[in-house]
Amino acid sequence: MDMDLKETACFGVAGNFTGHLEQAGEAKEFAQVKTEEASAPKGVFPTYLPKAAGACVPEFLNVFPFSQDKIIFPKGEQKVQFEPECAVVFDANWQDGKITSLSARCFAASNDCTIRKEGCKKISMKKNWGANSKGFAANCIAIDSFDSDGILNDYRIASFLLRDGKAFAYGEDSAVSGYSYIWKKLTDWLIAKFNSQKDEFNLENIGSYLNESGFPKQIMVSIGATRYTDFGENNFLQDGDGIVIVLYPASKYSAEKIREMVAGGESFGGDVSILKQTVVI
C-alpha cells in the first residue's frame, strides 16, 4: 500500500523507548515535563502540517519533509542522526473541535531524522529543516487490528548505516510491542495529547495546530525511536552514507537474516516495510 502524506498531519512521539532520550542527549530538555507515570512518553511534536495558514503554526511546518530515497543534510549543522521508527497512519474522528477516536489504518518504516544541538526552543525545530529531511517507506502495510492480536505485534524494527561498503547496526533490533506505550494505551494517550497538550517547555499546543489545519481526517504518527547501538550513538551522518530501516515480521525472518539481506542489497517481499535513503550534503 502506497500512502501519500502530503495531505496528512504528521507527528512524532518523544521518549517512547526507555533510554533513547538519554542516548540522544535530550533527556535534560524534558526534565521539567511531568508525565502520568515514569514510563510514559514525554509528549507529541509536529513534523508537518498541511493547509495550516494560521498565525499560530510556524511556517517551516508547512514544508513537506518526507522522502523515500534521500536525506539532505541541514546547512550549517554538524551533528545529525537518523531515528529508526515505526510510523502508524490513523483515521481521526472529530467532534466539537476535539479528536474522539483514532483508528489505525497502516504502518511503515520511518526516519525521524534529527539535528543534535542544544538551545532549540521547541523539539520540532530540530525535526523539519525543509524538503528531504525525514523518511517514510513506500510500502505501508495494512493493519487488521491495533492490538496484541494484530499483525503489527509480530513486527520488529531493524536499522543500519551503510558506510565504506559495510552495514553497521545503528539502532537496537527492537520489537514494536516493546514500545513503552503501544496499542490502546498509546491511542488513548495520543488523543489526550492532541486535545490538551500545552505550549510549554519544548512542547507545543498540538490542538491549536490541528484546528488551523482544518481538523485533518488522517494523521500519521511516528511512534518513537529505538535505542541506539554503541555505533549508532557515537556516529553521526556523513555525505554518502546509506540509511536502511526495516520493519519485518519476526515469525518469518531472524535478525541475522535481515542483516545479511541488507548487507547483500537483497530485495524484500510485501510483508516487509523498508526505507532506504542516501545522505546528501
C-alpha atoms as a PDB file:
ATOM      1  CA  MET A   1       0.000   0.000   0.000  1.00  0.00           C
ATOM      2  CA  ASP A   2       1.424   3.364  -1.090  1.00  0.00           C
ATOM      3  CA  MET A   3       0.489   6.242   1.221  1.00  0.00           C
ATOM      4  CA  ASP A   4       0.688   9.898   0.139  1.00  0.00           C
ATOM      5  CA  LEU A   5       1.320  12.040   3.213  1.00  0.00           C
ATOM      6  CA  LYS A   6       1.045  15.446   1.534  1.00  0.00           C
ATOM      7  CA  GLU A   7      -2.494  15.928   2.884  1.00  0.00           C
ATOM      8  CA  THR A   8      -1.756  14.223   6.208  1.00  0.00           C
ATOM      9  CA  ALA A   9      -0.897  15.916   9.514  1.00  0.00           C
ATOM     10  CA  CYS A  10       2.317  14.299  10.761  1.00  0.00           C
ATOM     11  CA  PHE A  11       3.721  13.980  14.267  1.00  0.00           C
ATOM     12  CA  GLY A  12       6.318  12.202  16.353  1.00  0.00           C
ATOM     13  CA  VAL A  13       6.396  10.862  19.895  1.00  0.00           C
ATOM     14  CA  ALA A  14       9.257  11.786  22.227  1.00  0.00           C
ATOM     15  CA  GLY A  15      10.614   9.231  24.674  1.00  0.00           C
ATOM     16  CA  ASN A  16       8.595   6.109  23.856  1.00  0.00           C
ATOM     17  CA  PHE A  17      11.577   3.742  24.152  1.00  0.00           C
ATOM     18  CA  THR A  18      13.317   3.737  27.530  1.00  0.00           C
ATOM     19  CA  GLY A  19      16.851   5.100  27.243  1.00  0.00           C
ATOM     20  CA  HIS A  20      16.640   6.768  23.829  1.00  0.00           C
ATOM     21  CA  LEU A  21      16.428  10.368  25.064  1.00  0.00           C
ATOM     22  CA  GLU A  22      19.453   9.833  27.302  1.00  0.00           C
ATOM     23  CA  GLN A  23      21.471   8.450  24.382  1.00  0.00           C
ATOM     24  CA  ALA A  24      20.406  11.345  22.162  1.00  0.00           C
ATOM     25  CA  GLY A  25      21.437  13.907  24.790  1.00  0.00           C
ATOM     26  CA  GLU A  26      17.870  15.208  25.031  1.00  0.00           C
ATOM     27  CA  ALA A  27      16.783  13.973  28.460  1.00  0.00           C
ATOM     28  CA  LYS A  28      17.540  17.286  30.173  1.00  0.00           C
ATOM     29  CA  GLU A  29      15.372  19.134  27.638  1.00  0.00           C
ATOM     30  CA  PHE A  30      12.399  17.211  29.028  1.00  0.00           C
ATOM     31  CA  ALA A  31      13.406  17.414  32.684  1.00  0.00           C
ATOM     32  CA  GLN A  32      10.552  19.803  33.514  1.00  0.00           C
ATOM     33  CA  VAL A  33       7.895  17.837  31.631  1.00  0.00           C
ATOM     34  CA  LYS A  34       5.616  15.975  34.024  1.00  0.00           C
ATOM     35  CA  THR A  35       4.207  12.628  32.878  1.00  0.00           C
ATOM     36  CA  GLU A  36       1.432  10.397  34.179  1.00  0.00           C
ATOM     37  CA  GLU A  37       3.935   7.642  35.013  1.00  0.00           C
ATOM     38  CA  ALA A  38       7.691   7.152  34.784  1.00  0.00           C
ATOM     39  CA  SER A  39       7.497   5.077  31.593  1.00  0.00           C
ATOM     40  CA  ALA A  40       5.200   7.486  29.747  1.00  0.00           C
ATOM     41  CA  PRO A  41       6.420   9.317  26.637  1.00  0.00           C
ATOM     42  CA  LYS A  42       7.238  12.978  27.155  1.00  0.00           C
ATOM     43  CA  GLY A  43       4.958  14.428  24.523  1.00  0.00           C
ATOM     44  CA  VAL A  44       3.936  14.806  20.889  1.00  0.00           C
ATOM     45  CA  PHE A  45       5.726  17.094  18.437  1.00  0.00           C
ATOM     46  CA  PRO A  46       4.686  18.192  14.920  1.00  0.00           C
ATOM     47  CA  THR A  47       6.741  17.425  11.820  1.00  0.00           C
ATOM     48  CA  TYR A  48       4.354  18.510   9.032  1.00  0.00           C
ATOM     49  CA  LEU A  49       1.005  20.307   8.900  1.00  0.00           C
ATOM     50  CA  PRO A  50      -0.740  20.766   5.529  1.00  0.00           C
ATOM     51  CA  LYS A  51      -3.117  23.665   4.958  1.00  0.00           C
ATOM     52  CA  ALA A  52      -2.110  25.322   8.228  1.00  0.00           C
ATOM     53  CA  ALA A  53      -2.154  29.003   7.344  1.00  0.00           C
ATOM     54  CA  GLY A  54      -2.932  30.369  10.795  1.00  0.00           C
ATOM     55  CA  ALA A  55      -0.560  32.588  12.710  1.00  0.00           C
ATOM     56  CA  CYS A  56      -0.118  30.016  15.476  1.00  0.00           C
ATOM     57  CA  VAL A  57       1.591  27.460  13.186  1.00  0.00           C
ATOM     58  CA  PRO A  58       5.292  28.029  12.370  1.00  0.00           C
ATOM     59  CA  GLU A  59       5.820  28.331   8.602  1.00  0.00           C
ATOM     60  CA  PHE A  60       8.506  25.645   8.455  1.00  0.00           C
ATOM     61  CA  LEU A  61       5.910  23.038   9.433  1.00  0.00           C
ATOM     62  CA  ASN A  62       4.084  23.680   6.130  1.00  0.00           C
ATOM     63  CA  VAL A  63       7.077  22.348   4.165  1.00  0.00           C
ATOM     64  CA  PHE A  64       6.707  18.664   3.224  1.00  0.00           C
ATOM     65  CA  PRO A  65       9.813  16.944   4.680  1.00  0.00           C
ATOM     66  CA  PHE A  66       9.356  13.271   3.769  1.00  0.00           C
ATOM     67  CA  SER A  67      11.415  11.415   1.190  1.00  0.00           C
ATOM     68  CA  GLN A  68      11.666   7.777   0.192  1.00  0.00           C
ATOM     69  CA  ASP A  69      15.256   7.944  -1.037  1.00  0.00           C
ATOM     70  CA  LYS A  70      17.392  10.724   0.457  1.00  0.00           C
ATOM     71  CA  ILE A  71      18.192  12.980   3.383  1.00  0.00           C
ATOM     72  CA  ILE A  72      19.596  16.417   2.571  1.00  0.00           C
ATOM     73  CA  PHE A  73      21.948  17.469   5.354  1.00  0.00           C
ATOM     74  CA  PRO A  74      20.912  20.750   7.020  1.00  0.00           C
ATOM     75  CA  LYS A  75      23.156  23.680   6.152  1.00  0.00           C
ATOM     76  CA  GLY A  76      25.430  24.868   8.920  1.00  0.00           C
ATOM     77  CA  GLU A  77      24.806  21.873  11.173  1.00  0.00           C
ATOM     78  CA  GLN A  78      27.418  19.418  12.397  1.00  0.00           C
ATOM     79  CA  LYS A  79      25.589  16.564  14.088  1.00  0.00           C
ATOM     80  CA  VAL A  80      22.620  14.721  12.611  1.00  0.00           C
ATOM     81  CA  GLN A  81      21.380  11.244  13.471  1.00  0.00           C
ATOM     82  CA  PHE A  82      18.675   9.196  11.862  1.00  0.00           C
ATOM     83  CA  GLU A  83      15.985   7.777  14.119  1.00  0.00           C
ATOM     84  CA  PRO A  84      14.552   4.359  13.194  1.00  0.00           C
ATOM     85  CA  GLU A  85      10.858   4.171  13.965  1.00  0.00           C
ATOM     86  CA  CYS A  86       7.525   2.561  13.226  1.00  0.00           C
ATOM     87  CA  ALA A  87       5.015   5.035  11.826  1.00  0.00           C
ATOM     88  CA  VAL A  88       1.267   4.468  12.034  1.00  0.00           C
ATOM     89  CA  VAL A  89      -1.342   6.221   9.892  1.00  0.00           C
ATOM     90  CA  PHE A  90      -4.613   6.820  11.733  1.00  0.00           C
ATOM     91  CA  ASP A  91      -8.089   7.881  10.675  1.00  0.00           C
ATOM     92  CA  ALA A  92      -9.196  10.606  13.088  1.00  0.00           C
ATOM     93  CA  ASN A  93     -12.781  11.219  14.166  1.00  0.00           C
ATOM     94  CA  TRP A  94     -13.685  14.713  15.366  1.00  0.00           C
ATOM     95  CA  GLN A  95     -16.472  16.224  17.435  1.00  0.00           C
ATOM     96  CA  ASP A  96     -16.725  19.849  18.584  1.00  0.00           C
ATOM     97  CA  GLY A  97     -13.099  20.557  17.710  1.00  0.00           C
ATOM     98  CA  LYS A  98     -11.703  17.561  19.595  1.00  0.00           C
ATOM     99  CA  ILE A  99     -10.472  14.162  18.441  1.00  0.00           C
ATOM    100  CA  THR A 100     -12.759  11.458  19.805  1.00  0.00           C
ATOM    101  CA  SER A 101     -11.095   8.368  18.340  1.00  0.00           C
ATOM    102  CA  LEU A 102      -8.127   7.177  16.274  1.00  0.00           C
ATOM    103  CA  SER A 103      -8.374   4.113  14.024  1.00  0.00           C
ATOM    104  CA  ALA A 104      -5.079   2.621  12.807  1.00  0.00           C
ATOM    105  CA  ARG A 105      -5.034   2.053   9.027  1.00  0.00           C
ATOM    106  CA  CYS A 106      -1.471   1.026   8.178  1.00  0.00           C
ATOM    107  CA  PHE A 107       2.153   1.138   9.320  1.00  0.00           C
ATOM    108  CA  ALA A 108       5.534   1.742   7.698  1.00  0.00           C
ATOM    109  CA  ALA A 109       9.221   2.210   8.422  1.00  0.00           C
ATOM    110  CA  SER A 110      10.064   5.840   9.131  1.00  0.00           C
ATOM    111  CA  ASN A 111      13.112   8.002   9.756  1.00  0.00           C
ATOM    112  CA  ASP A 112      12.569  10.806  12.260  1.00  0.00           C
ATOM    113  CA  CYS A 113      15.932  12.319  11.332  1.00  0.00           C
ATOM    114  CA  THR A 114      17.103  14.848  13.921  1.00  0.00           C
ATOM    115  CA  ILE A 115      19.650  17.622  14.383  1.00  0.00           C
ATOM    116  CA  ARG A 116      21.608  17.190  17.603  1.00  0.00           C
ATOM    117  CA  LYS A 117      22.229  20.549  19.233  1.00  0.00           C
ATOM    118  CA  GLU A 118      21.269  22.412  22.364  1.00  0.00           C
ATOM    119  CA  GLY A 119      19.280  25.598  22.611  1.00  0.00           C
ATOM    120  CA  CYS A 120      16.298  24.901  20.338  1.00  0.00           C
ATOM    121  CA  LYS A 121      13.155  26.398  21.859  1.00  0.00           C
ATOM    122  CA  LYS A 122      10.940  23.574  20.560  1.00  0.00           C
ATOM    123  CA  ILE A 123      11.819  19.998  19.639  1.00  0.00           C
ATOM    124  CA  SER A 124      10.093  20.414  16.257  1.00  0.00           C
ATOM    125  CA  MET A 125      12.780  22.924  15.263  1.00  0.00           C
ATOM    126  CA  LYS A 126      15.294  20.062  15.095  1.00  0.00           C
ATOM    127  CA  LYS A 127      12.996  17.820  13.090  1.00  0.00           C
ATOM    128  CA  ASN A 128      11.921  19.609   9.897  1.00  0.00           C
ATOM    129  CA  TRP A 129      14.564  21.703   8.129  1.00  0.00           C
ATOM    130  CA  GLY A 130      12.930  21.506   4.711  1.00  0.00           C
ATOM    131  CA  ALA A 131      12.322  19.044   1.903  1.00  0.00           C
ATOM    132  CA  ASN A 132      14.052  15.669   2.243  1.00  0.00           C
ATOM    133  CA  SER A 133      14.688  15.984   5.972  1.00  0.00           C
ATOM    134  CA  LYS A 134      12.673  12.929   7.039  1.00  0.00           C
ATOM    135  CA  GLY A 135      11.808   9.490   5.672  1.00  0.00           C
ATOM    136  CA  PHE A 136       8.710   7.361   5.146  1.00  0.00           C
ATOM    137  CA  ALA A 137       8.767   3.990   3.377  1.00  0.00           C
ATOM    138  CA  ALA A 138       6.880   3.425   0.133  1.00  0.00           C
ATOM    139  CA  ASN A 139       5.365   0.168   1.373  1.00  0.00           C
ATOM    140  CA  CYS A 140       2.736   0.888   4.020  1.00  0.00           C
ATOM    141  CA  ILE A 141       1.270  -2.351   5.410  1.00  0.00           C
ATOM    142  CA  ALA A 142      -2.428  -2.586   6.293  1.00  0.00           C
ATOM    143  CA  ILE A 143      -3.330  -3.038   9.966  1.00  0.00           C
ATOM    144  CA  ASP A 144      -6.036  -5.555  10.807  1.00  0.00           C
ATOM    145  CA  SER A 145      -6.332  -4.625  14.485  1.00  0.00           C
ATOM    146  CA  PHE A 146      -4.126  -2.310  16.537  1.00  0.00           C
ATOM    147  CA  ASP A 147      -3.625  -4.644  19.493  1.00  0.00           C
ATOM    148  CA  SER A 148      -1.574  -7.639  20.613  1.00  0.00           C
ATOM    149  CA  ASP A 149      -3.656  -9.944  18.392  1.00  0.00           C
ATOM    150  CA  GLY A 150      -2.981  -7.917  15.246  1.00  0.00           C
ATOM    151  CA  ILE A 151      -0.388  -8.171  12.501  1.00  0.00           C
ATOM    152  CA  LEU A 152       1.866  -5.441  13.909  1.00  0.00           C
ATOM    153  CA  ASN A 153       2.535  -7.376  17.123  1.00  0.00           C
ATOM    154  CA  ASP A 154       4.788  -9.725  15.104  1.00  0.00           C
ATOM    155  CA  TYR A 155       6.982  -6.926  13.755  1.00  0.00           C
ATOM    156  CA  ARG A 156      10.439  -5.735  14.739  1.00  0.00           C
ATOM    157  CA  ILE A 157      12.443  -2.637  13.807  1.00  0.00           C
ATOM    158  CA  ALA A 158      15.987  -3.047  12.482  1.00  0.00           C
ATOM    159  CA  SER A 159      18.223  -0.277  11.187  1.00  0.00           C
ATOM    160  CA  PHE A 160      21.611   0.000   9.540  1.00  0.00           C
ATOM    161  CA  LEU A 161      24.093   2.623   8.404  1.00  0.00           C
ATOM    162  CA  LEU A 162      25.855   1.738   5.159  1.00  0.00           C
ATOM    163  CA  ARG A 163      29.377   3.173   5.099  1.00  0.00           C
ATOM    164  CA  ASP A 164      32.590   2.088   3.375  1.00  0.00           C
ATOM    165  CA  GLY A 165      30.890  -0.963   1.930  1.00  0.00           C
ATOM    166  CA  LYS A 166      29.751  -2.263   5.310  1.00  0.00           C
ATOM    167  CA  ALA A 167      26.382  -2.421   7.083  1.00  0.00           C
ATOM    168  CA  PHE A 168      26.551  -1.264  10.699  1.00  0.00           C
ATOM    169  CA  ALA A 169      23.625  -1.847  13.069  1.00  0.00           C
ATOM    170  CA  TYR A 170      22.518   1.692  14.042  1.00  0.00           C
ATOM    171  CA  GLY A 171      19.542   1.111  16.308  1.00  0.00           C
ATOM    172  CA  GLU A 172      18.941  -1.896  18.513  1.00  0.00           C
ATOM    173  CA  ASP A 173      16.801  -4.533  16.813  1.00  0.00           C
ATOM    174  CA  SER A 174      13.559  -3.969  18.742  1.00  0.00           C
ATOM    175  CA  ALA A 175      10.034  -5.368  18.868  1.00  0.00           C
ATOM    176  CA  VAL A 176       7.219  -2.939  18.088  1.00  0.00           C
ATOM    177  CA  SER A 177       5.483  -4.420  21.127  1.00  0.00           C
ATOM    178  CA  GLY A 178       8.435  -3.152  23.189  1.00  0.00           C
ATOM    179  CA  TYR A 179       7.370   0.484  22.952  1.00  0.00           C
ATOM    180  CA  SER A 180       6.577   1.901  26.385  1.00  0.00           C
ATOM    181  CA  TYR A 181       3.118   2.916  25.141  1.00  0.00           C
ATOM    182  CA  ILE A 182       1.514   0.818  22.410  1.00  0.00           C
ATOM    183  CA  TRP A 183      -1.951  -0.339  21.295  1.00  0.00           C
ATOM    184  CA  LYS A 184      -4.928   1.196  23.153  1.00  0.00           C
ATOM    185  CA  LYS A 185      -2.677   2.751  25.778  1.00  0.00           C
ATOM    186  CA  LEU A 186      -0.898   4.646  23.012  1.00  0.00           C
ATOM    187  CA  THR A 187      -4.038   5.768  21.168  1.00  0.00           C
ATOM    188  CA  ASP A 188      -5.690   6.937  24.395  1.00  0.00           C
ATOM    189  CA  TRP A 189      -2.543   8.879  25.250  1.00  0.00           C
ATOM    190  CA  LEU A 190      -2.310  10.366  21.735  1.00  0.00           C
ATOM    191  CA  ILE A 191      -5.924  11.539  21.827  1.00  0.00           C
ATOM    192  CA  ALA A 192      -5.292  13.242  25.162  1.00  0.00           C
ATOM    193  CA  LYS A 193      -2.135  14.949  23.876  1.00  0.00           C
ATOM    194  CA  PHE A 194      -3.714  16.048  20.596  1.00  0.00           C
ATOM    195  CA  ASN A 195      -6.603  17.602  22.512  1.00  0.00           C
ATOM    196  CA  SER A 196      -4.878  19.058  25.549  1.00  0.00           C
ATOM    197  CA  GLN A 197      -1.078  19.279  25.274  1.00  0.00           C
ATOM    198  CA  LYS A 198       0.010  22.776  26.306  1.00  0.00           C
ATOM    199  CA  ASP A 199       2.576  25.099  24.778  1.00  0.00           C
ATOM    200  CA  GLU A 200       5.197  24.787  27.484  1.00  0.00           C
ATOM    201  CA  PHE A 201       8.880  23.962  27.751  1.00  0.00           C
ATOM    202  CA  ASN A 202       9.940  22.351  24.429  1.00  0.00           C
ATOM    203  CA  LEU A 203       6.420  21.122  23.569  1.00  0.00           C
ATOM    204  CA  GLU A 204       3.642  22.825  21.582  1.00  0.00           C
ATOM    205  CA  ASN A 205      -0.133  23.230  21.648  1.00  0.00           C
ATOM    206  CA  ILE A 206      -0.996  20.481  19.187  1.00  0.00           C
ATOM    207  CA  GLY A 207      -4.752  21.063  19.363  1.00  0.00           C
ATOM    208  CA  SER A 208      -4.442  24.607  18.024  1.00  0.00           C
ATOM    209  CA  TYR A 209      -2.260  23.374  15.160  1.00  0.00           C
ATOM    210  CA  LEU A 210      -4.799  20.700  14.208  1.00  0.00           C
ATOM    211  CA  ASN A 211      -7.592  23.262  14.311  1.00  0.00           C
ATOM    212  CA  GLU A 212      -5.625  25.546  11.972  1.00  0.00           C
ATOM    213  CA  SER A 213      -5.089  22.536   9.675  1.00  0.00           C
ATOM    214  CA  GLY A 214      -8.843  22.115   9.266  1.00  0.00           C
ATOM    215  CA  PHE A 215      -9.379  19.129  11.561  1.00  0.00           C
ATOM    216  CA  PRO A 216      -7.488  16.582   9.402  1.00  0.00           C
ATOM    217  CA  LYS A 217      -9.185  13.238   8.917  1.00  0.00           C
ATOM    218  CA  GLN A 218      -5.843  11.456   8.545  1.00  0.00           C
ATOM    219  CA  ILE A 219      -2.904  11.690  10.955  1.00  0.00           C
ATOM    220  CA  MET A 220       0.486   9.971  10.760  1.00  0.00           C
ATOM    221  CA  VAL A 221       2.386   9.377  13.987  1.00  0.00           C
ATOM    222  CA  SER A 222       5.959   8.126  14.097  1.00  0.00           C
ATOM    223  CA  ILE A 223       5.596   6.436  17.454  1.00  0.00           C
ATOM    224  CA  GLY A 224       9.154   6.621  18.777  1.00  0.00           C
ATOM    225  CA  ALA A 225      12.807   5.878  18.081  1.00  0.00           C
ATOM    226  CA  THR A 226      14.540   2.720  19.241  1.00  0.00           C
ATOM    227  CA  ARG A 227      17.615   2.833  21.421  1.00  0.00           C
ATOM    228  CA  TYR A 228      20.904   3.178  19.553  1.00  0.00           C
ATOM    229  CA  THR A 229      23.660   0.618  19.349  1.00  0.00           C
ATOM    230  CA  ASP A 230      27.050   1.845  20.552  1.00  0.00           C
ATOM    231  CA  PHE A 231      27.918   2.547  16.915  1.00  0.00           C
ATOM    232  CA  GLY A 232      24.694   4.463  16.322  1.00  0.00           C
ATOM    233  CA  GLU A 233      25.060   6.535  19.465  1.00  0.00           C
ATOM    234  CA  ASN A 234      28.565   7.643  18.522  1.00  0.00           C
ATOM    235  CA  ASN A 235      28.372   8.052  14.740  1.00  0.00           C
ATOM    236  CA  PHE A 236      26.650  10.977  13.054  1.00  0.00           C
ATOM    237  CA  LEU A 237      25.598  11.104   9.417  1.00  0.00           C
ATOM    238  CA  GLN A 238      28.132  11.867   6.687  1.00  0.00           C
ATOM    239  CA  ASP A 239      27.877  12.605   2.979  1.00  0.00           C
ATOM    240  CA  GLY A 240      27.155   9.435   1.016  1.00  0.00           C
ATOM    241  CA  ASP A 241      26.008   7.357   3.984  1.00  0.00           C
ATOM    242  CA  GLY A 242      23.212   4.905   3.339  1.00  0.00           C
ATOM    243  CA  ILE A 243      20.286   4.665   5.765  1.00  0.00           C
ATOM    244  CA  VAL A 244      18.246   1.462   5.940  1.00  0.00           C
ATOM    245  CA  ILE A 245      15.263   0.986   8.270  1.00  0.00           C
ATOM    246  CA  VAL A 246      13.387  -2.316   8.140  1.00  0.00           C
ATOM    247  CA  LEU A 247      10.077  -3.313   9.729  1.00  0.00           C
ATOM    248  CA  TYR A 248       9.914  -7.081   9.443  1.00  0.00           C
ATOM    249  CA  PRO A 249       7.780  -9.973  10.773  1.00  0.00           C
ATOM    250  CA  ALA A 250       9.831 -11.907  13.328  1.00  0.00           C
ATOM    251  CA  SER A 251       7.908 -15.094  12.555  1.00  0.00           C
ATOM    252  CA  LYS A 252       9.406 -15.116   9.044  1.00  0.00           C
ATOM    253  CA  TYR A 253      12.839 -13.508   9.397  1.00  0.00           C
ATOM    254  CA  SER A 254      15.593 -13.658  12.008  1.00  0.00           C
ATOM    255  CA  ALA A 255      17.572 -10.550  12.919  1.00  0.00           C
ATOM    256  CA  GLU A 256      20.669 -12.135  11.371  1.00  0.00           C
ATOM    257  CA  LYS A 257      18.813 -12.850   8.122  1.00  0.00           C
ATOM    258  CA  ILE A 258      17.705  -9.228   7.913  1.00  0.00           C
ATOM    259  CA  ARG A 259      21.303  -8.070   8.410  1.00  0.00           C
ATOM    260  CA  GLU A 260      22.527 -10.441   5.693  1.00  0.00           C
ATOM    261  CA  MET A 261      19.857  -9.294   3.244  1.00  0.00           C
ATOM    262  CA  VAL A 262      20.571  -5.609   3.891  1.00  0.00           C
ATOM    263  CA  ALA A 263      24.342  -6.089   3.589  1.00  0.00           C
ATOM    264  CA  GLY A 264      23.838  -8.020   0.353  1.00  0.00           C
ATOM    265  CA  GLY A 265      21.428  -5.496  -1.123  1.00  0.00           C
ATOM    266  CA  GLU A 266      18.697  -8.108  -1.461  1.00  0.00           C
ATOM    267  CA  SER A 267      15.053  -7.298  -2.135  1.00  0.00           C
ATOM    268  CA  PHE A 268      12.257  -7.916   0.360  1.00  0.00           C
ATOM    269  CA  GLY A 269       8.681  -9.058  -0.153  1.00  0.00           C
ATOM    270  CA  GLY A 270       5.499  -7.148   0.535  1.00  0.00           C
ATOM    271  CA  ASP A 271       5.418  -8.296   4.160  1.00  0.00           C
ATOM    272  CA  VAL A 272       8.399  -6.015   4.899  1.00  0.00           C
ATOM    273  CA  SER A 273       8.366  -2.218   5.024  1.00  0.00           C
ATOM    274  CA  ILE A 274      11.835  -0.950   4.161  1.00  0.00           C
ATOM    275  CA  LEU A 275      13.151   2.592   3.880  1.00  0.00           C
ATOM    276  CA  LYS A 276      16.430   3.232   2.041  1.00  0.00           C
ATOM    277  CA  GLN A 277      17.891   6.736   1.924  1.00  0.00           C
ATOM    278  CA  THR A 278      21.199   8.305   0.930  1.00  0.00           C
ATOM    279  CA  VAL A 279      22.671  11.264   2.819  1.00  0.00           C
ATOM    280  CA  VAL A 280      23.437  14.257   0.580  1.00  0.00           C
ATOM    281  CA  ILE A 281      25.464  17.262   1.742  1.00  0.00           C
END
